[in-house]
């Protein structure tokens, strides 16, 4: 029997053209039979504003909710019945933490097992690299430490920045037609070090940045998740959280840059510890069990908080999400003005429009 489900928000909020093509629809449907419905028993919600707004205005309290915290955000168990996230917490059968297995399957579908992953990383670690360090970011709206560390390291030795943000280098023509995931890895292959700085400080949140760097065979310089060593062998990367200051970390990086033997020793270290490999291998089964508990238990009911204070709190959300588009627009421009990014953002948008007009004229 097919289980009726729905996704909160638009397909673009789930990085897909339609929900049948969503990574999450496919992942769940491989475990239990589901189908999209206007009258679902389960609603899937993610951390985008579009998805949250749709949930609070149209779905809240009408069906069992599953929150997918795909960014540096903790699940709100007062409002959602079940959740997957990055936080290293336990909450009975209501929560499951993402394992790095999720990252390699979702971002790098060509890699299906640890053996392939480690072989690619090992092969790439032997490449000749003539550039010091890369910085590949387009998002300017991140924790201030990202730009701060880039600036401080660049003052000591030139760091190549290839993204729209703080750009100072041109992407080689041989890489311009690649998708962003492949392009990122190919760029990193040219550098000894890679700056892997998350957009937020969040315990447990590990994105694909350090993963793509290790795949490329470079040496990641990591910041964002202070418990990153839960996911990767601490000997295979430089953890900025283990230094008392950026200055101390930079001194250490430059010392490794000068010491070829130490550098090679680090990049040849195992990617994962034995415990991490075990957790890596058992996580798919944990995910299957978690999905089955949610979708196949016919006695399953609402698990979120209900009553006086919970209801009052959710009622406040309704007003906020009605006004969210206006609030976000104002907040965005406040941040743009505060950081002084308005000139580069306006220039970027104008250049995109001019390029689009030029392409249309050329097509005619």
Protein backbone atom coordinates (compact mmCIF):
# COMPACT_ATOMS: atom_id res chain seq x y z
CA UNK A 1 0.00 0.00 0.00
CA UNK A 2 1.42 3.38 -1.03
CA UNK A 3 1.88 5.88 1.79
CA UNK A 4 0.73 9.44 0.91
CA UNK A 5 3.35 12.14 1.53
CA UNK A 6 3.96 15.76 0.58
CA UNK A 7 6.91 18.15 0.51
CA UNK A 8 6.54 21.57 2.10
CA UNK A 9 7.55 24.43 -0.19
CA UNK A 10 8.47 24.51 -3.87
CA UNK A 11 10.66 21.94 -5.69
CA UNK A 12 13.42 24.55 -6.00
CA UNK A 13 13.65 24.56 -2.20
CA UNK A 14 14.59 20.88 -2.47
CA UNK A 15 17.07 21.39 -5.34
CA UNK A 16 14.91 19.51 -7.84
CA UNK A 17 12.57 20.17 -10.79
CA UNK A 18 9.78 18.08 -9.28
CA UNK A 19 9.45 16.15 -6.05
CA UNK A 20 9.64 12.74 -7.72
CA UNK A 21 13.23 13.66 -8.64
CA UNK A 22 14.09 14.76 -5.10
CA UNK A 23 16.95 12.94 -3.39
CA UNK A 24 14.71 12.46 -0.37
CA UNK A 25 11.75 11.07 -2.30
CA UNK A 26 14.05 8.48 -3.88
CA UNK A 27 15.83 7.67 -0.60
CA UNK A 28 12.58 7.08 1.32
CA UNK A 29 10.84 5.30 -1.56
CA UNK A 30 13.70 2.79 -1.69
CA UNK A 31 12.77 1.78 1.86
CA UNK A 32 8.97 2.17 2.02
CA UNK A 33 6.45 2.71 -0.83
CA UNK A 34 5.40 6.37 -0.88
CA UNK A 35 3.47 8.56 -3.30
CA UNK A 36 2.89 12.30 -3.53
CA UNK A 37 -0.54 13.41 -2.38
CA UNK A 38 -2.58 16.56 -1.67
CA UNK A 39 -3.89 14.79 1.42
CA UNK A 40 -0.71 13.32 2.90
CA UNK A 41 -0.24 11.38 6.09
CA UNK A 42 3.32 12.78 6.33
CA UNK A 43 4.80 16.16 5.41
CA UNK A 44 8.53 16.62 4.76
CA UNK A 45 9.96 20.02 5.74
CA UNK A 46 13.44 21.47 5.31
CA UNK A 47 15.22 24.53 6.71
CA UNK A 48 14.60 26.91 3.78
CA UNK A 49 12.33 29.89 4.37
CA UNK A 50 10.01 28.73 1.59
CA UNK A 51 9.53 25.27 3.08
CA UNK A 52 9.08 26.52 6.66
CA UNK A 53 6.61 29.22 5.60
CA UNK A 54 4.49 26.70 3.68
CA UNK A 55 4.54 24.31 6.64
CA UNK A 56 3.46 26.82 9.29
CA UNK A 57 0.79 28.45 7.14
CA UNK A 58 -0.68 25.35 5.46
CA UNK A 59 0.35 22.05 7.04
CA UNK A 60 1.05 22.49 10.74
CA UNK A 61 -1.14 20.24 12.89
CA UNK A 62 -2.78 18.59 9.87
CA UNK A 63 -0.33 15.75 9.34
CA UNK A 64 2.73 14.07 10.90
CA UNK A 65 5.80 16.21 10.21
CA UNK A 66 9.40 15.24 9.48
CA UNK A 67 12.04 17.98 9.61
CA UNK A 68 15.20 17.60 7.54
CA UNK A 69 17.81 19.97 8.96
CA UNK A 70 20.08 20.12 5.93
CA UNK A 71 21.89 23.24 7.17
CA UNK A 72 23.38 24.46 10.45
CA UNK A 73 20.06 24.55 12.29
CA UNK A 74 18.80 22.48 15.21
CA UNK A 75 15.44 20.68 14.97
CA UNK A 76 12.46 22.21 16.80
CA UNK A 77 10.86 19.20 18.47
CA UNK A 78 8.06 21.38 19.82
CA UNK A 79 6.73 21.78 16.27
CA UNK A 80 8.00 18.69 14.41
CA UNK A 81 7.29 15.05 15.17
CA UNK A 82 10.52 13.61 13.75
CA UNK A 83 13.81 15.05 12.53
CA UNK A 84 17.14 14.36 10.90
CA UNK A 85 19.92 16.82 11.59
CA UNK A 86 23.60 17.32 12.31
CA UNK A 87 23.40 17.89 16.07
CA UNK A 88 25.12 15.09 18.04
CA UNK A 89 22.09 14.46 20.27
CA UNK A 90 19.74 11.58 21.11
CA UNK A 91 15.96 11.88 21.36
CA UNK A 92 14.54 8.38 21.37
CA UNK A 93 13.10 7.30 18.03
CA UNK A 94 12.28 10.88 17.03
CA UNK A 95 15.76 11.86 15.80
CA UNK A 96 18.67 10.58 13.74
CA UNK A 97 21.96 12.38 13.13
CA UNK A 98 23.30 12.55 9.60
CA UNK A 99 26.46 10.57 9.05
CA UNK A 100 29.12 11.64 6.57
CA UNK A 101 27.69 8.76 4.46
CA UNK A 102 24.83 11.11 3.66
CA UNK A 103 27.30 13.67 2.33
CA UNK A 104 29.06 11.38 -0.11
CA UNK A 105 25.81 9.89 -1.41
CA UNK A 106 23.97 13.20 -1.76
CA UNK A 107 26.81 15.31 -3.19
CA UNK A 108 29.04 12.79 -4.94
CA UNK A 109 26.75 10.02 -6.29
CA UNK A 110 29.60 8.42 -8.25
CA UNK A 111 31.16 7.24 -4.98
CA UNK A 112 29.24 4.33 -3.47
CA UNK A 113 31.65 2.74 -1.00
CA UNK A 114 34.59 3.49 1.25
CA UNK A 115 37.06 1.58 -0.90
CA UNK A 116 36.38 3.79 -3.94
CA UNK A 117 36.46 6.93 -1.82
CA UNK A 118 39.83 6.15 -0.25
CA UNK A 119 41.33 5.02 -3.57
CA UNK A 120 40.39 8.30 -5.31
CA UNK A 121 41.71 10.36 -2.41
CA UNK A 122 44.96 8.39 -2.31
CA UNK A 123 45.54 8.72 -6.06
CA UNK A 124 44.88 12.45 -5.99
CA UNK A 125 47.18 12.98 -3.01
CA UNK A 126 50.15 12.14 -5.28
CA UNK A 127 49.39 14.92 -7.75
CA UNK A 128 51.91 17.72 -8.23
CA UNK A 129 50.52 20.98 -6.82
CA UNK A 130 52.02 24.34 -7.67
CA UNK A 131 49.62 26.59 -5.74
CA UNK A 132 49.45 27.19 -2.00
CA UNK A 133 45.79 27.34 -0.98
CA UNK A 134 42.29 27.74 -2.45
CA UNK A 135 39.19 29.59 -1.23
CA UNK A 136 36.01 28.82 -3.23
CA UNK A 137 32.93 30.71 -2.03
CA UNK A 138 30.11 32.73 -3.55
CA UNK A 139 28.11 33.27 -0.38
CA UNK A 140 29.18 36.50 1.35
CA UNK A 141 26.48 36.16 4.04
CA UNK A 142 28.37 33.87 6.42
CA UNK A 143 30.04 33.90 9.84
CA UNK A 144 32.61 36.70 9.96
CA UNK A 145 35.44 34.28 10.80
CA UNK A 146 35.42 32.91 7.25
CA UNK A 147 36.47 36.20 5.65
CA UNK A 148 38.67 37.07 8.62
CA UNK A 149 40.77 33.92 8.37
CA UNK A 150 41.06 34.21 4.58
CA UNK A 151 42.30 37.79 4.92
CA UNK A 152 44.78 36.95 7.66
CA UNK A 153 46.21 33.92 5.85
CA UNK A 154 46.38 35.87 2.55
CA UNK A 155 48.47 38.55 4.24
CA UNK A 156 51.16 35.90 4.83
CA UNK A 157 50.97 33.93 1.57
CA UNK A 158 48.71 34.41 -1.45
CA UNK A 159 45.45 32.43 -1.34
CA UNK A 160 43.61 31.86 -4.64
CA UNK A 161 39.93 32.84 -4.36
CA UNK A 162 37.86 31.52 -7.28
CA UNK A 163 34.25 32.18 -6.22
CA UNK A 164 32.25 35.37 -6.66
CA UNK A 165 33.05 36.32 -3.08
CA UNK A 166 36.46 37.97 -2.53
CA UNK A 167 37.46 36.80 -5.99
CA UNK A 168 41.11 37.27 -7.01
CA UNK A 169 41.68 34.36 -9.43
CA UNK A 170 40.25 33.05 -12.70
CA UNK A 171 38.95 29.49 -13.03
CA UNK A 172 40.94 27.63 -15.75
CA UNK A 173 38.98 27.33 -19.02
CA UNK A 174 39.24 23.53 -18.89
CA UNK A 175 37.05 23.59 -15.75
CA UNK A 176 34.42 26.22 -16.64
CA UNK A 177 31.97 23.71 -18.17
CA UNK A 178 32.00 21.33 -15.19
CA UNK A 179 29.21 21.16 -12.61
CA UNK A 180 30.08 22.95 -9.37
CA UNK A 181 30.88 19.74 -7.47
CA UNK A 182 33.35 18.44 -10.05
CA UNK A 183 34.75 21.94 -10.60
CA UNK A 184 35.44 22.35 -6.90
CA UNK A 185 37.41 19.09 -6.77
CA UNK A 186 39.39 19.89 -9.94
CA UNK A 187 40.34 23.34 -8.61
CA UNK A 188 41.45 21.88 -5.30
CA UNK A 189 43.70 19.39 -7.10
CA UNK A 190 45.96 22.33 -8.02
CA UNK A 191 46.47 23.39 -4.39
CA UNK A 192 48.33 21.97 -1.42
CA UNK A 193 45.79 23.36 1.07
CA UNK A 194 42.05 24.10 0.90
CA UNK A 195 40.15 26.50 3.14
CA UNK A 196 37.08 24.59 4.33
CA UNK A 197 35.29 27.16 6.44
CA UNK A 198 31.58 26.60 7.13
CA UNK A 199 29.08 29.45 6.89
CA UNK A 200 28.25 28.98 10.57
CA UNK A 201 29.63 27.79 13.88
CA UNK A 202 27.41 24.84 14.76
CA UNK A 203 28.24 21.77 16.84
CA UNK A 204 27.83 18.68 14.67
CA UNK A 205 27.28 20.47 11.33
CA UNK A 206 29.72 19.19 8.70
CA UNK A 207 29.05 20.11 5.07
CA UNK A 208 30.60 18.74 1.87
CA UNK A 209 33.50 21.26 1.91
CA UNK A 210 36.04 19.17 3.82
CA UNK A 211 34.86 16.05 2.02
CA UNK A 212 35.53 17.46 -1.47
CA UNK A 213 38.97 18.64 -0.31
CA UNK A 214 39.93 15.18 0.94
CA UNK A 215 38.63 13.67 -2.31
CA UNK A 216 40.87 16.03 -4.27
CA UNK A 217 43.87 14.92 -2.19
CA UNK A 218 44.56 18.37 -0.75
CA UNK A 219 45.01 19.23 2.93
CA UNK A 220 41.82 20.76 4.41
CA UNK A 221 42.02 23.70 6.80
CA UNK A 222 38.73 23.35 8.66
CA UNK A 223 36.49 25.58 10.82
CA UNK A 224 32.79 25.46 11.75
CA UNK A 225 32.00 22.26 13.62
CA UNK A 226 34.05 22.08 16.84
CA UNK A 227 33.36 18.33 16.93
CA UNK A 228 34.56 17.68 13.38
CA UNK A 229 36.81 14.92 14.71
CA UNK A 230 33.66 12.83 15.19
CA UNK A 231 33.46 12.56 11.38
CA UNK A 232 37.08 12.50 10.20
CA UNK A 233 40.44 11.29 11.46
CA UNK A 234 42.03 14.33 13.15
CA UNK A 235 45.40 13.44 11.59
CA UNK A 236 44.10 14.04 8.02
CA UNK A 237 43.23 17.75 8.32
CA UNK A 238 44.09 20.95 10.16
CA UNK A 239 41.43 21.73 12.76
CA UNK A 240 41.32 25.47 13.49
CA UNK A 241 39.25 24.75 16.59
CA UNK A 242 42.31 23.16 18.21
CA UNK A 243 44.30 26.44 18.15
CA UNK A 244 43.95 29.30 20.66
CA UNK A 245 43.96 31.91 17.86
CA UNK A 246 44.04 32.36 14.08
CA UNK A 247 47.62 33.58 14.41
CA UNK A 248 48.74 30.31 16.02
CA UNK A 249 46.91 28.30 13.37
CA UNK A 250 48.50 30.28 10.52
CA UNK A 251 51.99 29.80 11.99
CA UNK A 252 51.31 26.05 12.05
CA UNK A 253 50.03 26.03 8.44
CA UNK A 254 53.06 27.93 7.15
CA UNK A 255 55.40 25.57 9.01
CA UNK A 256 53.74 22.57 7.28
CA UNK A 257 53.95 24.42 3.96
CA UNK A 258 57.74 24.58 4.39
CA UNK A 259 58.10 20.99 5.61
CA UNK A 260 57.41 18.65 2.67
CA UNK A 261 57.80 15.47 4.74
CA UNK A 262 55.29 16.58 7.37
CA UNK A 263 52.84 17.69 4.67
CA UNK A 264 53.02 14.33 2.88
CA UNK A 265 52.67 12.48 6.17
CA UNK A 266 49.38 14.28 6.87
CA UNK A 267 47.77 13.78 3.45
CA UNK A 268 48.72 10.09 3.50
CA UNK A 269 47.05 9.56 6.89
CA UNK A 270 43.84 7.47 6.97
CA UNK A 271 40.69 9.51 6.28
CA UNK A 272 38.67 7.74 8.97
CA UNK A 273 39.42 5.93 12.23
CA UNK A 274 38.23 2.33 12.65
CA UNK A 275 35.31 3.53 14.77
CA UNK A 276 34.31 6.07 12.11
CA UNK A 277 34.49 3.42 9.39
CA UNK A 278 32.16 1.23 11.45
CA UNK A 279 29.70 4.09 11.97
CA UNK A 280 30.00 4.93 8.28
CA UNK A 281 29.04 1.39 7.30
CA UNK A 282 26.13 0.93 9.74
CA UNK A 283 24.49 4.31 9.15
CA UNK A 284 22.51 3.24 6.04
CA UNK A 285 20.83 0.55 8.16
CA UNK A 286 20.15 3.08 10.92
CA UNK A 287 18.52 5.31 8.32
CA UNK A 288 16.37 2.44 7.03
CA UNK A 289 15.23 1.57 10.56
CA UNK A 290 14.47 5.22 11.29
CA UNK A 291 12.33 5.56 8.13
CA UNK A 292 10.49 2.31 8.84
CA UNK A 293 9.68 3.43 12.39
CA UNK A 294 8.10 6.61 11.04
CA UNK A 295 6.22 5.28 8.02
CA UNK A 296 5.37 1.68 8.82
CA UNK A 297 4.12 1.90 12.41
CA UNK A 298 0.36 2.22 11.99
CA UNK A 299 -0.02 3.21 15.62
CA UNK A 300 2.27 6.20 15.03
CA UNK A 301 0.72 9.49 16.02
CA UNK A 302 1.73 13.10 16.52
CA UNK A 303 4.83 13.39 18.66
CA UNK A 304 5.26 17.18 18.87
CA UNK A 305 4.24 19.19 21.91
CA UNK A 306 0.55 19.99 22.34
CA UNK A 307 -1.12 22.16 24.94
CA UNK A 308 -1.16 25.69 26.34
CA UNK A 309 2.39 26.94 25.84
CA UNK A 310 3.15 24.86 22.74
CA UNK A 311 0.01 26.16 21.01
CA UNK A 312 0.74 29.77 21.98
CA UNK A 313 4.27 29.46 20.64
CA UNK A 314 3.06 28.06 17.31
CA UNK A 315 0.45 30.81 16.99
CA UNK A 316 3.28 33.36 17.13
CA UNK A 317 4.93 31.63 14.17
CA UNK A 318 1.85 32.16 12.03
CA UNK A 319 2.14 35.96 12.17
CA UNK A 320 5.88 35.82 11.51
CA UNK A 321 5.60 33.58 8.45
CA UNK A 322 2.84 35.71 6.91
CA UNK A 323 5.26 38.65 7.03
CA UNK A 324 8.40 36.61 6.28
CA UNK A 325 9.03 37.83 2.67
CA UNK A 326 9.06 41.46 3.83
CA UNK A 327 11.12 40.67 6.95
CA UNK A 328 13.72 38.73 4.96
CA UNK A 329 14.02 41.47 2.34
CA UNK A 330 14.67 44.11 5.01
CA UNK A 331 17.11 41.87 6.94
CA UNK A 332 19.00 41.01 3.77
CA UNK A 333 19.60 44.63 2.82
CA UNK A 334 20.52 45.52 6.40
CA UNK A 335 23.23 42.83 6.26
CA UNK A 336 24.33 43.95 2.80
CA UNK A 337 24.72 47.57 3.93
CA UNK A 338 26.44 46.55 7.17
CA UNK A 339 29.05 44.41 5.43
CA UNK A 340 29.59 46.82 2.53
CA UNK A 341 28.75 44.15 -0.02
CA UNK A 342 26.16 46.22 -1.90
CA UNK A 343 28.55 47.37 -4.66
CA UNK A 344 29.75 43.89 -5.60
CA UNK A 345 26.22 42.43 -5.36
CA UNK A 346 24.71 45.15 -7.58
CA UNK A 347 27.57 44.81 -10.09
CA UNK A 348 27.12 41.04 -10.15
CA UNK A 349 23.37 41.27 -10.75
CA UNK A 350 23.86 43.89 -13.48
CA UNK A 351 26.51 41.77 -15.23
CA UNK A 352 24.18 38.76 -15.15
CA UNK A 353 21.34 40.78 -16.70
CA UNK A 354 23.63 42.21 -19.39
CA UNK A 355 24.94 38.72 -20.15
CA UNK A 356 21.38 37.37 -20.39
CA UNK A 357 20.33 40.18 -22.78
CA UNK A 358 23.43 39.59 -24.90
CA UNK A 359 22.67 35.86 -25.16
CA UNK A 360 19.07 36.57 -26.20
CA UNK A 361 20.22 39.00 -28.91
CA UNK A 362 22.83 36.51 -30.13
CA UNK A 363 20.20 33.78 -30.34
CA UNK A 364 18.03 35.99 -32.56
